[in-house]
């Protein structure tokens, strides 16, 4: 399955900011998240991705950050069924 990885780099990179962004992105279809030292990586199925929707989802909270950058790229994730 193909996924889009969206890397959000922000300051301050504190847990509350990660949780806020993850909640907003989950509302538009992002389904998994990983904390990074400088922010958050978020994953969404490639066929559900919209850069415009991603930007619109985080726009209301941009003023909370000293710095916030967003970069998205295609990733291939292998899902191994558990028996």
C-alpha atoms as a PDB file:
ATOM      1  CA  UNK A   1       0.000   0.000   0.000  1.00  0.00           C
ATOM      2  CA  UNK A   2       1.306   3.439  -0.827  1.00  0.00           C
ATOM      3  CA  UNK A   3       1.314   6.123   1.827  1.00  0.00           C
ATOM      4  CA  UNK A   4       2.267   9.748   1.928  1.00  0.00           C
ATOM      5  CA  UNK A   5       4.599  10.687   4.761  1.00  0.00           C
ATOM      6  CA  UNK A   6       4.154  14.262   5.912  1.00  0.00           C
ATOM      7  CA  UNK A   7       6.978  15.591   8.047  1.00  0.00           C
ATOM      8  CA  UNK A   8       6.064  18.488  10.291  1.00  0.00           C
ATOM      9  CA  UNK A   9       8.979  20.344  11.816  1.00  0.00           C
ATOM     10  CA  UNK A  10       8.022  22.868  14.440  1.00  0.00           C
ATOM     11  CA  UNK A  11       9.118  24.902  17.377  1.00  0.00           C
ATOM     12  CA  UNK A  12       8.497  24.467  20.201  1.00  0.00           C
ATOM     13  CA  UNK A  13       8.525  20.677  19.651  1.00  0.00           C
ATOM     14  CA  UNK A  14       6.647  19.777  22.820  1.00  0.00           C
ATOM     15  CA  UNK A  15       4.177  16.913  23.373  1.00  0.00           C
ATOM     16  CA  UNK A  16       1.131  19.197  23.464  1.00  0.00           C
ATOM     17  CA  UNK A  17       1.940  20.569  20.004  1.00  0.00           C
ATOM     18  CA  UNK A  18       2.457  17.065  18.613  1.00  0.00           C
ATOM     19  CA  UNK A  19      -0.915  15.963  20.039  1.00  0.00           C
ATOM     20  CA  UNK A  20      -2.701  19.007  18.624  1.00  0.00           C
ATOM     21  CA  UNK A  21      -1.320  18.482  15.113  1.00  0.00           C
ATOM     22  CA  UNK A  22      -1.972  14.722  15.208  1.00  0.00           C
ATOM     23  CA  UNK A  23      -5.603  15.306  16.209  1.00  0.00           C
ATOM     24  CA  UNK A  24      -6.139  17.808  13.390  1.00  0.00           C
ATOM     25  CA  UNK A  25      -4.526  15.553  10.798  1.00  0.00           C
ATOM     26  CA  UNK A  26      -6.492  12.499  11.991  1.00  0.00           C
ATOM     27  CA  UNK A  27      -9.686  14.385  11.151  1.00  0.00           C
ATOM     28  CA  UNK A  28      -8.695  14.455   7.457  1.00  0.00           C
ATOM     29  CA  UNK A  29      -7.552  10.832   7.167  1.00  0.00           C
ATOM     30  CA  UNK A  30      -4.032  10.568   8.567  1.00  0.00           C
ATOM     31  CA  UNK A  31      -3.932   7.246  10.379  1.00  0.00           C
ATOM     32  CA  UNK A  32      -0.535   6.885  12.012  1.00  0.00           C
ATOM     33  CA  UNK A  33       1.979   9.189  13.626  1.00  0.00           C
ATOM     34  CA  UNK A  34       5.544   9.085  14.893  1.00  0.00           C
ATOM     35  CA  UNK A  35       7.211  11.630  17.143  1.00  0.00           C
ATOM     36  CA  UNK A  36      10.523  12.988  15.866  1.00  0.00           C
ATOM     37  CA  UNK A  37      13.106  15.103  17.700  1.00  0.00           C
ATOM     38  CA  UNK A  38      11.969  18.193  15.769  1.00  0.00           C
ATOM     39  CA  UNK A  39       8.271  17.491  15.391  1.00  0.00           C
ATOM     40  CA  UNK A  40       6.034  14.795  13.944  1.00  0.00           C
ATOM     41  CA  UNK A  41       5.781  12.414  10.997  1.00  0.00           C
ATOM     42  CA  UNK A  42       2.223  11.657   9.890  1.00  0.00           C
ATOM     43  CA  UNK A  43       1.050   9.030   7.399  1.00  0.00           C
ATOM     44  CA  UNK A  44      -2.001   8.920   5.129  1.00  0.00           C
ATOM     45  CA  UNK A  45      -2.981   6.536   2.303  1.00  0.00           C
ATOM     46  CA  UNK A  46      -1.764   8.068  -0.967  1.00  0.00           C
ATOM     47  CA  UNK A  47      -5.236   8.046  -2.524  1.00  0.00           C
ATOM     48  CA  UNK A  48      -6.627  10.094   0.401  1.00  0.00           C
ATOM     49  CA  UNK A  49      -3.858  12.733   0.430  1.00  0.00           C
ATOM     50  CA  UNK A  50      -4.445  16.367  -0.418  1.00  0.00           C
ATOM     51  CA  UNK A  51      -1.779  18.972   0.231  1.00  0.00           C
ATOM     52  CA  UNK A  52      -4.482  21.638   0.285  1.00  0.00           C
ATOM     53  CA  UNK A  53      -6.473  19.756   2.940  1.00  0.00           C
ATOM     54  CA  UNK A  54      -3.323  19.220   5.004  1.00  0.00           C
ATOM     55  CA  UNK A  55      -2.463  22.925   4.926  1.00  0.00           C
ATOM     56  CA  UNK A  56      -6.066  23.906   5.692  1.00  0.00           C
ATOM     57  CA  UNK A  57      -6.192  21.520   8.669  1.00  0.00           C
ATOM     58  CA  UNK A  58      -3.139  23.029  10.354  1.00  0.00           C
ATOM     59  CA  UNK A  59      -3.695  26.671   9.363  1.00  0.00           C
ATOM     60  CA  UNK A  60      -5.792  27.562  12.456  1.00  0.00           C
ATOM     61  CA  UNK A  61      -2.951  26.585  14.813  1.00  0.00           C
ATOM     62  CA  UNK A  62      -0.022  28.113  12.907  1.00  0.00           C
ATOM     63  CA  UNK A  63       0.052  31.146  15.250  1.00  0.00           C
ATOM     64  CA  UNK A  64       0.888  28.799  18.166  1.00  0.00           C
ATOM     65  CA  UNK A  65       4.272  27.975  16.641  1.00  0.00           C
ATOM     66  CA  UNK A  66       7.442  30.000  16.363  1.00  0.00           C
ATOM     67  CA  UNK A  67       8.214  27.938  13.258  1.00  0.00           C
ATOM     68  CA  UNK A  68       6.255  25.255  11.366  1.00  0.00           C
ATOM     69  CA  UNK A  69       7.248  23.608   8.088  1.00  0.00           C
ATOM     70  CA  UNK A  70       5.441  20.836   6.236  1.00  0.00           C
ATOM     71  CA  UNK A  71       6.988  18.468   3.687  1.00  0.00           C
ATOM     72  CA  UNK A  72       5.205  15.497   2.108  1.00  0.00           C
ATOM     73  CA  UNK A  73       6.624  12.582   0.123  1.00  0.00           C
ATOM     74  CA  UNK A  74       5.458   9.213  -1.159  1.00  0.00           C
ATOM     75  CA  UNK A  75       6.361   6.192   0.975  1.00  0.00           C
ATOM     76  CA  UNK A  76       5.718   2.489   0.474  1.00  0.00           C
ATOM     77  CA  UNK A  77       4.678   0.706   3.660  1.00  0.00           C
ATOM     78  CA  UNK A  78       4.451  -3.032   3.735  1.00  0.00           C
ATOM     79  CA  UNK A  79       1.690  -4.351   5.904  1.00  0.00           C
ATOM     80  CA  UNK A  80       2.405  -7.869   7.111  1.00  0.00           C
ATOM     81  CA  UNK A  81      -0.683  -9.724   8.280  1.00  0.00           C
ATOM     82  CA  UNK A  82      -0.423 -11.243  11.715  1.00  0.00           C
ATOM     83  CA  UNK A  83      -1.471 -14.859  12.154  1.00  0.00           C
END
